[in-house]
Amino acid sequence: MNLHETYPQLQISQLYGFIEQVDGWLTHLEQTALLHLPALVDHLDGEIIEIGSFKGKSTVSLGLGSKWISERKRSIYAIDLFIPSIEYGEYYHDFEKNIRGYQLENYVIPIKKYSHEALPECPERISALFIDGDHNYLSVKKDIELYSPRVEAGGMIAFHGYNVYEGVQRAVDELCESKEYVYVCDYDRLRLIRKLN
């Protein structure tokens, strides 16, 4: 099925319907944030980076937003180890199936590495960054240190699990103390901040 032939124009409710089909942990409001994130940075250069993809619920949200809502139609660099687990099995196959199922192959670039190993494969300029990898303080802080210098002035950084994981909250709060970043808003457990300069 070709989505553009079947749905020449999509309602936002249809996009939510697609996202709901993907296994993952995003609330409706968090999906809204990620769907609109590509359009929020339309005025900036740079690509979109996602750290932590699992089966692709957030990747599909960002990809559908880039494809259907944003004018820039940016690539999404999806960084995850995609290591099989006893609990979730070989979930990279599910990720690939979800990306193909919503015809996002031309939008999503999976990188099967730790975030610190993936940096050389990522673009030098980032318009939006979504951090949802390891939620402990040192990991979040390391992702910030590595990737935030590449975020364009005016660019957005979204953090999942802000009001759930103490490590995420601490790292984000420290970042905002620098005066280079400003709090924008919360979408349930997702905190959105903007880089000022």
N, C-alpha and C. Protein backbone atom coordinates (compact mmCIF):
# COMPACT_ATOMS: atom_id res chain seq x y z
N MET A 1 0.85 -1.19 0.00
CA MET A 1 0.00 0.00 0.00
C MET A 1 0.89 1.24 0.00
N ASN A 2 0.63 2.15 -0.90
CA ASN A 2 1.34 3.42 -0.95
C ASN A 2 0.52 4.44 -0.17
N LEU A 3 1.09 4.95 0.92
CA LEU A 3 0.33 5.87 1.79
C LEU A 3 -0.07 7.14 1.06
N HIS A 4 0.81 7.65 0.18
CA HIS A 4 0.48 8.89 -0.53
C HIS A 4 -0.67 8.70 -1.51
N GLU A 5 -0.78 7.50 -2.10
CA GLU A 5 -1.90 7.23 -3.00
C GLU A 5 -3.18 6.99 -2.20
N THR A 6 -3.05 6.25 -1.10
CA THR A 6 -4.22 5.95 -0.27
C THR A 6 -4.71 7.18 0.49
N TYR A 7 -3.74 7.96 1.00
CA TYR A 7 -4.06 9.15 1.79
C TYR A 7 -3.34 10.36 1.20
N PRO A 8 -3.86 11.00 0.14
CA PRO A 8 -3.16 12.16 -0.42
C PRO A 8 -3.01 13.29 0.60
N GLN A 9 -3.96 13.38 1.51
CA GLN A 9 -3.86 14.31 2.64
C GLN A 9 -4.28 13.53 3.88
N LEU A 10 -3.47 13.66 4.92
CA LEU A 10 -3.76 12.92 6.14
C LEU A 10 -4.27 13.84 7.24
N GLN A 11 -5.22 13.34 8.00
CA GLN A 11 -5.66 14.02 9.21
C GLN A 11 -4.68 13.66 10.32
N ILE A 12 -4.50 14.54 11.28
CA ILE A 12 -3.60 14.26 12.39
C ILE A 12 -4.06 13.00 13.14
N SER A 13 -5.36 12.78 13.19
CA SER A 13 -5.88 11.58 13.87
C SER A 13 -5.41 10.31 13.17
N GLN A 14 -5.22 10.37 11.84
CA GLN A 14 -4.70 9.20 11.12
C GLN A 14 -3.24 8.95 11.50
N LEU A 15 -2.47 10.01 11.65
CA LEU A 15 -1.07 9.85 12.06
C LEU A 15 -1.00 9.23 13.45
N TYR A 16 -1.86 9.69 14.37
CA TYR A 16 -1.90 9.08 15.70
C TYR A 16 -2.27 7.61 15.60
N GLY A 17 -3.19 7.28 14.71
CA GLY A 17 -3.59 5.89 14.52
C GLY A 17 -2.42 5.02 14.08
N PHE A 18 -1.59 5.56 13.18
CA PHE A 18 -0.40 4.83 12.74
C PHE A 18 0.56 4.61 13.92
N ILE A 19 0.81 5.67 14.68
CA ILE A 19 1.76 5.59 15.79
C ILE A 19 1.29 4.59 16.85
N GLU A 20 -0.01 4.57 17.10
CA GLU A 20 -0.56 3.66 18.11
C GLU A 20 -0.33 2.20 17.76
N GLN A 21 -0.11 1.89 16.49
CA GLN A 21 0.14 0.52 16.06
C GLN A 21 1.54 0.03 16.45
N VAL A 22 2.42 0.96 16.82
CA VAL A 22 3.82 0.62 17.12
C VAL A 22 3.99 0.43 18.63
N ASP A 23 4.65 -0.65 19.01
CA ASP A 23 4.89 -0.94 20.42
C ASP A 23 5.88 0.07 21.00
N GLY A 24 5.59 0.58 22.18
CA GLY A 24 6.48 1.54 22.82
C GLY A 24 5.80 2.26 23.97
N TRP A 25 6.46 3.29 24.49
CA TRP A 25 6.01 3.95 25.72
C TRP A 25 5.81 5.44 25.54
N LEU A 26 5.04 5.86 24.59
CA LEU A 26 4.75 7.29 24.42
C LEU A 26 3.27 7.54 24.67
N THR A 27 2.99 8.55 25.48
CA THR A 27 1.60 8.96 25.67
C THR A 27 1.16 9.77 24.45
N HIS A 28 -0.12 10.05 24.38
CA HIS A 28 -0.67 10.84 23.28
C HIS A 28 0.01 12.22 23.18
N LEU A 29 0.20 12.87 24.32
CA LEU A 29 0.87 14.18 24.31
C LEU A 29 2.32 14.08 23.86
N GLU A 30 3.00 13.03 24.28
CA GLU A 30 4.40 12.85 23.86
C GLU A 30 4.49 12.59 22.36
N GLN A 31 3.52 11.84 21.83
CA GLN A 31 3.45 11.64 20.38
C GLN A 31 3.26 12.98 19.67
N THR A 32 2.40 13.82 20.24
CA THR A 32 2.16 15.15 19.67
C THR A 32 3.45 15.95 19.59
N ALA A 33 4.21 15.93 20.67
CA ALA A 33 5.48 16.67 20.69
C ALA A 33 6.41 16.20 19.59
N LEU A 34 6.56 14.89 19.44
CA LEU A 34 7.50 14.36 18.45
C LEU A 34 6.98 14.51 17.02
N LEU A 35 5.68 14.41 16.83
CA LEU A 35 5.10 14.64 15.50
C LEU A 35 5.39 16.06 15.02
N HIS A 36 5.29 17.03 15.93
CA HIS A 36 5.45 18.43 15.55
C HIS A 36 6.88 18.94 15.66
N LEU A 37 7.75 18.18 16.30
CA LEU A 37 9.14 18.63 16.48
C LEU A 37 9.82 18.96 15.15
N PRO A 38 9.70 18.16 14.09
CA PRO A 38 10.35 18.54 12.83
C PRO A 38 9.86 19.89 12.29
N ALA A 39 8.58 20.20 12.44
CA ALA A 39 8.05 21.48 11.95
C ALA A 39 8.52 22.64 12.82
N LEU A 40 8.74 22.39 14.11
CA LEU A 40 9.20 23.45 15.01
C LEU A 40 10.59 23.96 14.65
N VAL A 41 11.34 23.15 13.91
CA VAL A 41 12.70 23.56 13.53
C VAL A 41 12.84 23.74 12.02
N ASP A 42 11.72 23.94 11.33
CA ASP A 42 11.76 24.15 9.88
C ASP A 42 12.66 25.30 9.47
N HIS A 43 12.79 26.29 10.32
CA HIS A 43 13.57 27.49 9.99
C HIS A 43 15.08 27.28 10.16
N LEU A 44 15.49 26.11 10.63
CA LEU A 44 16.91 25.85 10.92
C LEU A 44 17.50 24.82 9.96
N ASP A 45 18.81 24.88 9.80
CA ASP A 45 19.52 23.82 9.09
C ASP A 45 19.80 22.69 10.08
N GLY A 46 20.18 21.55 9.56
CA GLY A 46 20.52 20.42 10.41
C GLY A 46 19.48 19.32 10.37
N GLU A 47 19.91 18.14 10.77
CA GLU A 47 19.04 16.97 10.76
C GLU A 47 18.50 16.69 12.16
N ILE A 48 17.76 15.61 12.29
CA ILE A 48 17.15 15.22 13.56
C ILE A 48 17.84 13.95 14.06
N ILE A 49 18.23 13.95 15.32
CA ILE A 49 18.90 12.80 15.94
C ILE A 49 18.01 12.26 17.05
N GLU A 50 17.86 10.95 17.07
CA GLU A 50 17.13 10.27 18.14
C GLU A 50 18.09 9.28 18.80
N ILE A 51 18.21 9.38 20.11
CA ILE A 51 19.02 8.43 20.87
C ILE A 51 18.07 7.54 21.67
N GLY A 52 17.97 6.29 21.27
CA GLY A 52 17.04 5.35 21.89
C GLY A 52 15.80 5.18 21.04
N SER A 53 15.71 4.07 20.30
CA SER A 53 14.62 3.89 19.34
C SER A 53 13.69 2.73 19.66
N PHE A 54 14.21 1.69 20.30
CA PHE A 54 13.46 0.46 20.59
C PHE A 54 12.79 -0.04 19.30
N LYS A 55 11.49 -0.22 19.29
CA LYS A 55 10.80 -0.74 18.11
C LYS A 55 10.36 0.35 17.15
N GLY A 56 10.65 1.61 17.49
CA GLY A 56 10.42 2.68 16.54
C GLY A 56 9.20 3.55 16.76
N LYS A 57 8.57 3.49 17.93
CA LYS A 57 7.39 4.35 18.15
C LYS A 57 7.76 5.83 18.05
N SER A 58 8.84 6.23 18.72
CA SER A 58 9.28 7.63 18.64
C SER A 58 9.86 7.93 17.26
N THR A 59 10.53 6.96 16.65
CA THR A 59 11.10 7.15 15.32
C THR A 59 9.99 7.37 14.30
N VAL A 60 8.94 6.57 14.39
CA VAL A 60 7.80 6.73 13.49
C VAL A 60 7.14 8.09 13.73
N SER A 61 7.02 8.50 14.99
CA SER A 61 6.44 9.82 15.29
C SER A 61 7.24 10.93 14.62
N LEU A 62 8.56 10.91 14.80
CA LEU A 62 9.42 11.92 14.19
C LEU A 62 9.39 11.82 12.67
N GLY A 63 9.44 10.59 12.15
CA GLY A 63 9.45 10.39 10.71
C GLY A 63 8.16 10.85 10.05
N LEU A 64 7.02 10.51 10.64
CA LEU A 64 5.74 10.96 10.08
C LEU A 64 5.63 12.48 10.15
N GLY A 65 6.15 13.06 11.24
CA GLY A 65 6.16 14.52 11.34
C GLY A 65 7.00 15.16 10.27
N SER A 66 8.15 14.56 9.99
CA SER A 66 9.03 15.09 8.95
C SER A 66 8.39 14.94 7.57
N LYS A 67 7.77 13.79 7.34
CA LYS A 67 7.19 13.49 6.03
C LYS A 67 5.90 14.25 5.75
N TRP A 68 5.03 14.37 6.75
CA TRP A 68 3.69 14.90 6.51
C TRP A 68 3.45 16.31 7.05
N ILE A 69 4.20 16.75 8.06
CA ILE A 69 3.91 18.05 8.68
C ILE A 69 4.98 19.08 8.35
N SER A 70 6.23 18.70 8.42
CA SER A 70 7.34 19.62 8.19
C SER A 70 7.50 19.92 6.70
N GLU A 71 7.97 21.12 6.40
CA GLU A 71 8.29 21.46 5.01
C GLU A 71 9.67 20.97 4.62
N ARG A 72 10.57 20.77 5.58
CA ARG A 72 11.97 20.44 5.29
C ARG A 72 12.21 18.97 4.98
N LYS A 73 11.33 18.07 5.39
CA LYS A 73 11.46 16.63 5.09
C LYS A 73 12.84 16.10 5.47
N ARG A 74 13.22 16.29 6.71
CA ARG A 74 14.56 15.92 7.18
C ARG A 74 14.70 14.42 7.45
N SER A 75 15.97 14.01 7.50
CA SER A 75 16.31 12.65 7.91
C SER A 75 16.29 12.54 9.43
N ILE A 76 15.94 11.35 9.90
CA ILE A 76 15.97 11.03 11.33
C ILE A 76 17.08 9.99 11.52
N TYR A 77 18.12 10.33 12.26
CA TYR A 77 19.18 9.39 12.60
C TYR A 77 18.77 8.70 13.89
N ALA A 78 18.44 7.41 13.79
CA ALA A 78 17.91 6.65 14.92
C ALA A 78 19.02 5.77 15.52
N ILE A 79 19.49 6.17 16.69
CA ILE A 79 20.61 5.49 17.34
C ILE A 79 20.10 4.55 18.43
N ASP A 80 20.45 3.28 18.31
CA ASP A 80 20.07 2.29 19.31
C ASP A 80 20.98 1.08 19.11
N LEU A 81 21.30 0.37 20.17
CA LEU A 81 22.09 -0.85 20.02
C LEU A 81 21.31 -1.96 19.33
N PHE A 82 19.99 -1.94 19.48
CA PHE A 82 19.12 -2.97 18.90
C PHE A 82 19.60 -4.38 19.26
N ILE A 83 20.04 -4.55 20.50
CA ILE A 83 20.52 -5.85 20.97
C ILE A 83 19.32 -6.69 21.40
N PRO A 84 19.20 -7.92 20.89
CA PRO A 84 18.09 -8.78 21.31
C PRO A 84 18.11 -9.00 22.83
N SER A 85 16.92 -9.13 23.39
CA SER A 85 16.82 -9.37 24.83
C SER A 85 15.83 -10.51 25.08
N ILE A 86 15.90 -11.08 26.26
CA ILE A 86 14.97 -12.14 26.63
C ILE A 86 13.55 -11.59 26.64
N GLU A 87 13.39 -10.38 27.18
CA GLU A 87 12.06 -9.79 27.32
C GLU A 87 11.45 -9.39 25.99
N TYR A 88 12.26 -8.80 25.07
CA TYR A 88 11.70 -8.25 23.83
C TYR A 88 12.15 -8.98 22.57
N GLY A 89 13.05 -9.93 22.70
CA GLY A 89 13.50 -10.68 21.53
C GLY A 89 14.33 -9.84 20.58
N GLU A 90 14.29 -10.20 19.31
CA GLU A 90 15.05 -9.53 18.25
C GLU A 90 14.22 -8.33 17.77
N TYR A 91 14.21 -7.25 18.53
CA TYR A 91 13.30 -6.15 18.22
C TYR A 91 13.73 -5.28 17.06
N TYR A 92 14.95 -5.43 16.56
CA TYR A 92 15.35 -4.65 15.37
C TYR A 92 14.48 -5.01 14.18
N HIS A 93 14.04 -6.27 14.08
CA HIS A 93 13.15 -6.67 12.99
C HIS A 93 11.82 -5.91 13.08
N ASP A 94 11.32 -5.74 14.30
CA ASP A 94 10.09 -4.96 14.49
C ASP A 94 10.31 -3.50 14.10
N PHE A 95 11.47 -2.96 14.48
CA PHE A 95 11.81 -1.58 14.11
C PHE A 95 11.79 -1.43 12.59
N GLU A 96 12.49 -2.32 11.89
CA GLU A 96 12.54 -2.25 10.42
C GLU A 96 11.15 -2.37 9.81
N LYS A 97 10.35 -3.30 10.34
CA LYS A 97 8.99 -3.51 9.83
C LYS A 97 8.15 -2.25 10.01
N ASN A 98 8.29 -1.60 11.16
CA ASN A 98 7.53 -0.37 11.41
C ASN A 98 7.96 0.76 10.48
N ILE A 99 9.25 0.89 10.25
CA ILE A 99 9.75 1.94 9.36
C ILE A 99 9.25 1.68 7.94
N ARG A 100 9.36 0.43 7.48
CA ARG A 100 8.87 0.07 6.14
C ARG A 100 7.36 0.23 6.05
N GLY A 101 6.66 -0.20 7.10
CA GLY A 101 5.20 -0.18 7.09
C GLY A 101 4.62 1.21 6.89
N TYR A 102 5.32 2.22 7.36
CA TYR A 102 4.84 3.60 7.20
C TYR A 102 5.67 4.36 6.17
N GLN A 103 6.39 3.59 5.34
CA GLN A 103 7.15 4.11 4.20
C GLN A 103 8.07 5.26 4.60
N LEU A 104 8.85 4.99 5.63
CA LEU A 104 9.79 5.99 6.15
C LEU A 104 11.24 5.62 5.87
N GLU A 105 11.47 4.65 4.98
CA GLU A 105 12.83 4.21 4.69
C GLU A 105 13.71 5.35 4.18
N ASN A 106 13.12 6.29 3.45
CA ASN A 106 13.89 7.42 2.92
C ASN A 106 14.10 8.53 3.94
N TYR A 107 13.51 8.38 5.12
CA TYR A 107 13.60 9.39 6.17
C TYR A 107 14.44 8.93 7.36
N VAL A 108 14.51 7.64 7.59
CA VAL A 108 15.13 7.11 8.81
C VAL A 108 16.45 6.41 8.48
N ILE A 109 17.49 6.80 9.21
CA ILE A 109 18.82 6.20 9.08
C ILE A 109 19.15 5.54 10.42
N PRO A 110 18.99 4.20 10.52
CA PRO A 110 19.31 3.54 11.78
C PRO A 110 20.82 3.40 11.96
N ILE A 111 21.27 3.61 13.19
CA ILE A 111 22.68 3.42 13.54
C ILE A 111 22.72 2.48 14.74
N LYS A 112 23.24 1.27 14.52
CA LYS A 112 23.25 0.23 15.56
C LYS A 112 24.54 0.32 16.37
N LYS A 113 24.58 1.31 17.25
CA LYS A 113 25.77 1.55 18.08
C LYS A 113 25.35 2.24 19.37
N TYR A 114 26.29 2.28 20.33
CA TYR A 114 26.13 3.16 21.48
C TYR A 114 26.14 4.59 20.96
N SER A 115 25.49 5.49 21.68
CA SER A 115 25.42 6.88 21.22
C SER A 115 26.80 7.51 21.10
N HIS A 116 27.73 7.18 22.02
CA HIS A 116 29.07 7.77 21.93
C HIS A 116 29.85 7.23 20.74
N GLU A 117 29.53 6.02 20.30
CA GLU A 117 30.18 5.46 19.11
C GLU A 117 29.55 5.96 17.81
N ALA A 118 28.30 6.38 17.88
CA ALA A 118 27.56 6.80 16.69
C ALA A 118 27.86 8.23 16.26
N LEU A 119 28.44 9.02 17.13
CA LEU A 119 28.65 10.45 16.84
C LEU A 119 29.33 10.70 15.50
N PRO A 120 30.40 9.98 15.12
CA PRO A 120 31.04 10.25 13.83
C PRO A 120 30.13 10.01 12.62
N GLU A 121 29.08 9.21 12.79
CA GLU A 121 28.16 8.93 11.68
C GLU A 121 27.00 9.92 11.62
N CYS A 122 26.95 10.82 12.57
CA CYS A 122 25.86 11.80 12.64
C CYS A 122 26.29 13.11 12.01
N PRO A 123 25.31 13.89 11.54
CA PRO A 123 25.64 15.17 10.91
C PRO A 123 26.24 16.16 11.90
N GLU A 124 27.02 17.08 11.37
CA GLU A 124 27.64 18.12 12.20
C GLU A 124 26.61 19.13 12.70
N ARG A 125 25.52 19.27 11.97
CA ARG A 125 24.49 20.24 12.35
C ARG A 125 23.19 19.50 12.68
N ILE A 126 22.68 19.79 13.86
CA ILE A 126 21.47 19.14 14.35
C ILE A 126 20.42 20.23 14.62
N SER A 127 19.23 20.04 14.07
CA SER A 127 18.14 20.98 14.34
C SER A 127 17.32 20.55 15.54
N ALA A 128 17.16 19.24 15.73
CA ALA A 128 16.40 18.71 16.86
C ALA A 128 17.04 17.42 17.34
N LEU A 129 17.09 17.27 18.65
CA LEU A 129 17.71 16.11 19.30
C LEU A 129 16.70 15.53 20.29
N PHE A 130 16.47 14.22 20.21
CA PHE A 130 15.59 13.54 21.14
C PHE A 130 16.41 12.51 21.90
N ILE A 131 16.52 12.69 23.21
CA ILE A 131 17.33 11.80 24.05
C ILE A 131 16.40 10.92 24.89
N ASP A 132 16.45 9.61 24.58
CA ASP A 132 15.62 8.63 25.28
C ASP A 132 16.36 7.29 25.35
N GLY A 133 17.66 7.37 25.66
CA GLY A 133 18.47 6.16 25.76
C GLY A 133 18.50 5.67 27.19
N ASP A 134 19.69 5.43 27.69
CA ASP A 134 19.87 5.04 29.09
C ASP A 134 19.49 6.25 29.95
N HIS A 135 18.63 6.04 30.93
CA HIS A 135 18.09 7.16 31.71
C HIS A 135 18.89 7.49 32.96
N ASN A 136 20.06 6.87 33.15
CA ASN A 136 20.83 7.24 34.34
C ASN A 136 21.57 8.56 34.08
N TYR A 137 21.90 9.23 35.15
CA TYR A 137 22.47 10.58 35.08
C TYR A 137 23.71 10.66 34.20
N LEU A 138 24.67 9.77 34.42
CA LEU A 138 25.93 9.86 33.66
C LEU A 138 25.72 9.64 32.17
N SER A 139 24.81 8.76 31.81
CA SER A 139 24.54 8.51 30.39
C SER A 139 23.87 9.71 29.73
N VAL A 140 22.88 10.27 30.40
CA VAL A 140 22.19 11.44 29.84
C VAL A 140 23.16 12.61 29.73
N LYS A 141 23.95 12.82 30.77
CA LYS A 141 24.94 13.90 30.75
C LYS A 141 25.94 13.72 29.61
N LYS A 142 26.37 12.49 29.38
CA LYS A 142 27.32 12.20 28.30
C LYS A 142 26.68 12.48 26.94
N ASP A 143 25.42 12.07 26.76
CA ASP A 143 24.73 12.35 25.50
C ASP A 143 24.61 13.86 25.27
N ILE A 144 24.32 14.60 26.33
CA ILE A 144 24.24 16.06 26.23
C ILE A 144 25.60 16.63 25.83
N GLU A 145 26.65 16.20 26.51
CA GLU A 145 27.99 16.72 26.23
C GLU A 145 28.43 16.44 24.80
N LEU A 146 28.09 15.27 24.29
CA LEU A 146 28.52 14.89 22.94
C LEU A 146 27.69 15.55 21.84
N TYR A 147 26.38 15.61 22.03
CA TYR A 147 25.50 16.02 20.94
C TYR A 147 25.03 17.47 20.99
N SER A 148 24.90 18.05 22.18
CA SER A 148 24.37 19.42 22.24
C SER A 148 25.24 20.46 21.54
N PRO A 149 26.58 20.31 21.47
CA PRO A 149 27.35 21.31 20.72
C PRO A 149 26.98 21.37 19.23
N ARG A 150 26.42 20.30 18.71
CA ARG A 150 26.03 20.27 17.29
C ARG A 150 24.64 20.84 17.04
N VAL A 151 23.87 21.06 18.11
CA VAL A 151 22.52 21.60 17.96
C VAL A 151 22.62 23.08 17.58
N GLU A 152 21.90 23.45 16.53
CA GLU A 152 21.90 24.82 16.04
C GLU A 152 21.27 25.76 17.08
N ALA A 153 21.69 27.01 17.08
CA ALA A 153 21.03 28.02 17.92
C ALA A 153 19.56 28.08 17.51
N GLY A 154 18.68 28.01 18.48
CA GLY A 154 17.25 27.96 18.20
C GLY A 154 16.72 26.54 18.08
N GLY A 155 17.64 25.57 18.06
CA GLY A 155 17.24 24.17 17.94
C GLY A 155 16.62 23.63 19.22
N MET A 156 15.98 22.50 19.10
CA MET A 156 15.25 21.91 20.22
C MET A 156 15.91 20.61 20.69
N ILE A 157 15.85 20.40 22.00
CA ILE A 157 16.26 19.12 22.58
C ILE A 157 15.10 18.62 23.44
N ALA A 158 14.68 17.39 23.17
CA ALA A 158 13.60 16.76 23.93
C ALA A 158 14.18 15.61 24.74
N PHE A 159 13.74 15.50 25.98
CA PHE A 159 14.21 14.44 26.88
C PHE A 159 13.01 13.64 27.36
N HIS A 160 13.03 12.33 27.14
CA HIS A 160 11.93 11.50 27.62
C HIS A 160 12.26 10.98 29.02
N GLY A 161 11.25 10.92 29.86
CA GLY A 161 11.42 10.43 31.22
C GLY A 161 11.84 11.49 32.22
N TYR A 162 11.65 12.76 31.88
CA TYR A 162 12.13 13.85 32.74
C TYR A 162 11.58 13.75 34.16
N ASN A 163 10.29 13.59 34.31
CA ASN A 163 9.72 13.56 35.66
C ASN A 163 9.53 12.14 36.19
N VAL A 164 10.23 11.18 35.57
CA VAL A 164 10.19 9.79 36.02
C VAL A 164 11.55 9.35 36.56
N TYR A 165 12.62 9.74 35.87
CA TYR A 165 13.97 9.31 36.21
C TYR A 165 14.76 10.47 36.80
N GLU A 166 15.24 10.29 38.02
CA GLU A 166 16.00 11.35 38.70
C GLU A 166 17.23 11.74 37.89
N GLY A 167 17.87 10.77 37.23
CA GLY A 167 19.06 11.06 36.44
C GLY A 167 18.78 11.98 35.27
N VAL A 168 17.65 11.76 34.61
CA VAL A 168 17.27 12.62 33.48
C VAL A 168 16.99 14.03 34.00
N GLN A 169 16.21 14.12 35.06
CA GLN A 169 15.86 15.43 35.62
C GLN A 169 17.11 16.20 36.04
N ARG A 170 18.01 15.54 36.72
CA ARG A 170 19.23 16.21 37.19
C ARG A 170 20.07 16.72 36.01
N ALA A 171 20.27 15.89 35.00
CA ALA A 171 21.09 16.29 33.85
C ALA A 171 20.45 17.45 33.08
N VAL A 172 19.14 17.40 32.91
CA VAL A 172 18.44 18.47 32.18
C VAL A 172 18.45 19.76 32.99
N ASP A 173 18.20 19.67 34.28
CA ASP A 173 18.22 20.87 35.12
C ASP A 173 19.60 21.52 35.12
N GLU A 174 20.65 20.72 35.17
CA GLU A 174 22.00 21.27 35.10
C GLU A 174 22.25 21.96 33.76
N LEU A 175 21.76 21.37 32.69
CA LEU A 175 21.92 21.97 31.36
C LEU A 175 21.23 23.33 31.30
N CYS A 176 20.05 23.43 31.85
CA CYS A 176 19.30 24.69 31.80
C CYS A 176 19.89 25.77 32.69
N GLU A 177 20.71 25.38 33.67
CA GLU A 177 21.40 26.37 34.51
C GLU A 177 22.47 27.12 33.73
N SER A 178 22.87 26.61 32.58
CA SER A 178 23.97 27.21 31.80
C SER A 178 23.58 28.51 31.12
N LYS A 179 22.32 28.84 31.05
CA LYS A 179 21.80 30.05 30.40
C LYS A 179 21.90 29.98 28.88
N GLU A 180 22.43 28.87 28.35
CA GLU A 180 22.44 28.67 26.90
C GLU A 180 21.17 27.97 26.44
N TYR A 181 20.40 27.47 27.40
CA TYR A 181 19.20 26.70 27.10
C TYR A 181 18.04 27.24 27.92
N VAL A 182 16.84 27.13 27.36
CA VAL A 182 15.66 27.60 28.07
C VAL A 182 14.57 26.54 27.99
N TYR A 183 13.87 26.39 29.10
CA TYR A 183 12.73 25.48 29.17
C TYR A 183 11.63 25.97 28.25
N VAL A 184 11.04 25.07 27.48
CA VAL A 184 9.91 25.41 26.61
C VAL A 184 8.61 24.91 27.22
N CYS A 185 8.48 23.60 27.38
CA CYS A 185 7.28 23.04 28.00
C CYS A 185 7.46 21.54 28.23
N ASP A 186 6.52 20.97 28.96
CA ASP A 186 6.49 19.53 29.20
C ASP A 186 5.28 18.93 28.49
N TYR A 187 5.49 17.77 27.91
CA TYR A 187 4.42 16.96 27.34
C TYR A 187 4.43 15.66 28.15
N ASP A 188 3.66 15.60 29.20
CA ASP A 188 3.69 14.48 30.13
C ASP A 188 5.12 14.25 30.62
N ARG A 189 5.76 13.15 30.22
CA ARG A 189 7.10 12.82 30.72
C ARG A 189 8.22 13.34 29.81
N LEU A 190 7.86 14.10 28.80
CA LEU A 190 8.83 14.61 27.84
C LEU A 190 9.06 16.10 28.07
N ARG A 191 10.30 16.48 28.35
CA ARG A 191 10.64 17.89 28.55
C ARG A 191 11.31 18.42 27.29
N LEU A 192 10.84 19.58 26.84
CA LEU A 192 11.36 20.22 25.63
C LEU A 192 12.09 21.49 26.02
N ILE A 193 13.34 21.61 25.55
CA ILE A 193 14.10 22.83 25.80
C ILE A 193 14.65 23.36 24.47
N ARG A 194 14.98 24.64 24.45
CA ARG A 194 15.52 25.28 23.25
C ARG A 194 16.93 25.78 23.53
N LYS A 195 17.81 25.60 22.56
CA LYS A 195 19.16 26.13 22.65
C LYS A 195 19.13 27.58 22.20
N LEU A 196 19.65 28.48 23.03
CA LEU A 196 19.59 29.91 22.71
C LEU A 196 20.73 30.34 21.81
N ASN A 197 21.94 29.90 22.09
CA ASN A 197 23.08 30.30 21.25
C ASN A 197 24.18 29.26 21.27
